Amino acid sequence: MGIALENVGIAVRDLDATIAFFTDLGLTVIGRDTVTGEWADTAVGLDGNHARIAMLQTPDGFGRLELFEYIHPEAIETEPTLPNEIGMHRVAFSVDDIDESLAIAAQHGYHPLRGVANYQNVYKLTYLRGPSGIIVMFAEDLTKD
């Protein structure tokens, strides 16, 4: 059986602000739409499903994020996920320059949860809480020339 990861879907409070954050980091919007109707109700399992969506892609063409902002039913606010909670809690990106990526995140008001760590002089790593409370990890490979 063949299988491939299609995308990671994330519900957000403000679609446009979240798109701005991820496109400033280098992702590209490859599509936007508003979805509603019986097919959307069936696929998602919500009656009256109506959402604004955007598909973003990483520069290498392999990673995709599907962002969605619910119009109906109303989005449900939850407590921000902590790194040690069970379930999906972060999206990770390899970056060429962690300091540059953090500067871009800071322009949007997002900063590391604690700081930047050095893992055995192989990676510089950090977590930050981005738009809608999404935990975003940046990893810079220190072994690249």
Protein backbone atom coordinates (compact mmCIF):
# COMPACT_ATOMS: atom_id res chain seq x y z
CA MET A 1 0.00 0.00 0.00
CA GLY A 2 1.37 3.41 -0.94
CA ILE A 3 1.08 6.32 1.45
CA ALA A 4 2.37 9.88 1.44
CA LEU A 5 1.83 12.81 3.80
CA GLU A 6 -0.44 15.28 2.00
CA ASN A 7 -0.48 18.16 4.49
CA VAL A 8 -0.89 19.20 8.10
CA GLY A 9 -4.16 21.01 8.82
CA ILE A 10 -4.36 23.74 11.43
CA ALA A 11 -7.46 25.68 12.53
CA VAL A 12 -6.62 29.34 13.10
CA ARG A 13 -8.28 32.44 14.53
CA ASP A 14 -7.17 34.83 11.79
CA LEU A 15 -6.39 33.28 8.41
CA ASP A 16 -4.83 36.39 6.88
CA ALA A 17 -2.50 37.05 9.85
CA THR A 18 -1.43 33.40 9.92
CA ILE A 19 -0.75 33.41 6.17
CA ALA A 20 1.37 36.57 6.61
CA PHE A 21 3.44 34.88 9.33
CA PHE A 22 4.16 31.72 7.32
CA THR A 23 4.74 33.51 3.99
CA ASP A 24 7.20 35.88 5.67
CA LEU A 25 9.08 32.74 6.76
CA GLY A 26 9.24 31.62 3.12
CA LEU A 27 6.18 29.44 2.51
CA THR A 28 4.07 30.15 -0.57
CA VAL A 29 0.28 30.25 -0.83
CA ILE A 30 -0.66 27.73 -3.52
CA GLY A 31 -4.42 28.05 -3.12
CA ARG A 32 -7.24 29.72 -1.21
CA ASP A 33 -10.91 28.87 -1.11
CA THR A 34 -14.09 28.95 0.93
CA VAL A 35 -15.51 25.50 1.54
CA THR A 36 -19.08 24.63 2.44
CA GLY A 37 -21.79 22.19 1.49
CA GLU A 38 -22.77 18.58 2.06
CA TRP A 39 -19.42 17.23 0.86
CA ALA A 40 -17.60 19.40 3.44
CA ASP A 41 -20.01 18.32 6.20
CA THR A 42 -19.39 14.67 5.32
CA ALA A 43 -15.61 14.94 4.99
CA VAL A 44 -15.07 16.91 8.20
CA GLY A 45 -17.95 15.51 10.26
CA LEU A 46 -19.51 18.87 11.16
CA ASP A 47 -23.01 19.95 10.17
CA GLY A 48 -23.03 23.29 8.38
CA ASN A 49 -19.25 23.22 7.91
CA HIS A 50 -18.17 26.53 6.36
CA ALA A 51 -14.54 27.65 6.41
CA ARG A 52 -12.03 29.86 4.67
CA ILE A 53 -8.95 27.82 3.78
CA ALA A 54 -5.47 28.33 2.40
CA MET A 55 -2.85 25.80 1.31
CA LEU A 56 0.77 26.82 1.84
CA GLN A 57 3.86 25.05 0.58
CA THR A 58 7.50 25.05 1.68
CA PRO A 59 10.09 26.23 -0.86
CA ASP A 60 11.29 22.64 -1.47
CA GLY A 61 7.77 21.70 -2.62
CA PHE A 62 7.36 18.80 -0.18
CA GLY A 63 5.84 20.33 2.98
CA ARG A 64 2.32 21.69 3.01
CA LEU A 65 0.15 23.37 5.62
CA GLU A 66 -3.60 23.69 5.20
CA LEU A 67 -4.87 26.56 7.31
CA PHE A 68 -8.56 26.95 7.98
CA GLU A 69 -10.62 29.63 9.68
CA TYR A 70 -14.10 28.46 10.64
CA ILE A 71 -17.08 30.61 9.76
CA HIS A 72 -19.55 27.92 10.93
CA PRO A 73 -19.69 26.25 13.30
CA GLU A 74 -17.94 28.88 15.36
CA ALA A 75 -14.35 28.05 16.24
CA ILE A 76 -13.79 26.79 19.77
CA GLU A 77 -11.00 28.40 21.75
CA THR A 78 -8.86 26.00 23.79
CA GLU A 79 -5.96 26.41 26.14
CA PRO A 80 -2.62 26.61 24.36
CA THR A 81 -1.05 23.18 23.95
CA LEU A 82 2.06 22.51 25.99
CA PRO A 83 5.04 20.69 24.46
CA ASN A 84 4.48 17.62 26.69
CA GLU A 85 0.74 17.17 26.06
CA ILE A 86 -0.50 14.13 24.16
CA GLY A 87 -1.61 14.86 20.61
CA MET A 88 -0.39 17.05 17.80
CA HIS A 89 1.27 20.11 19.16
CA ARG A 90 3.85 21.59 16.79
CA VAL A 91 4.98 22.10 13.25
CA ALA A 92 8.75 21.98 12.66
CA PHE A 93 10.82 23.68 9.99
CA SER A 94 14.44 23.27 8.96
CA VAL A 95 15.80 26.76 8.46
CA ASP A 96 19.06 28.03 6.98
CA ASP A 97 19.45 30.76 9.61
CA ILE A 98 17.62 30.45 12.92
CA ASP A 99 18.41 34.05 13.89
CA GLU A 100 16.86 35.35 10.66
CA SER A 101 13.78 33.16 11.18
CA LEU A 102 13.43 34.42 14.76
CA ALA A 103 13.73 38.02 13.58
CA ILE A 104 10.85 37.42 11.15
CA ALA A 105 8.78 35.77 13.89
CA ALA A 106 9.51 38.71 16.21
CA GLN A 107 8.12 41.12 13.61
CA HIS A 108 4.82 39.29 14.12
CA GLY A 109 5.16 39.41 17.92
CA TYR A 110 6.33 35.80 18.44
CA HIS A 111 9.40 34.86 20.47
CA PRO A 112 11.06 31.64 21.70
CA LEU A 113 9.36 29.93 24.62
CA ARG A 114 12.68 29.93 26.48
CA GLY A 115 15.61 30.47 24.13
CA VAL A 116 17.71 28.82 21.45
CA ALA A 117 19.33 25.50 22.35
CA ASN A 118 22.43 23.92 20.86
CA TYR A 119 22.10 20.15 20.48
CA GLN A 120 25.62 18.65 20.46
CA ASN A 121 26.82 21.23 17.91
CA VAL A 122 24.60 19.49 15.35
CA TYR A 123 21.44 21.64 15.57
CA LYS A 124 20.33 24.97 16.96
CA LEU A 125 16.68 24.49 18.02
CA THR A 126 13.89 26.59 19.43
CA TYR A 127 10.13 26.48 19.97
CA LEU A 128 7.93 29.55 19.75
CA ARG A 129 4.20 30.05 20.08
CA GLY A 130 3.00 31.52 16.79
CA PRO A 131 -0.41 32.54 15.40
CA SER A 132 -3.43 31.00 17.12
CA GLY A 133 -1.09 29.45 19.69
CA ILE A 134 0.58 27.11 17.17
CA ILE A 135 3.90 25.84 18.48
CA VAL A 136 6.48 26.32 15.73
CA MET A 137 9.92 24.71 15.91
CA PHE A 138 12.91 26.04 14.02
CA ALA A 139 15.97 23.82 13.54
CA GLU A 140 19.21 25.03 11.96
CA ASP A 141 21.62 22.25 10.89
CA LEU A 142 25.06 23.26 12.11
CA THR A 143 26.81 20.53 10.11
CA LYS A 144 25.98 22.07 6.72
CA ASP A 145 28.85 23.85 5.00
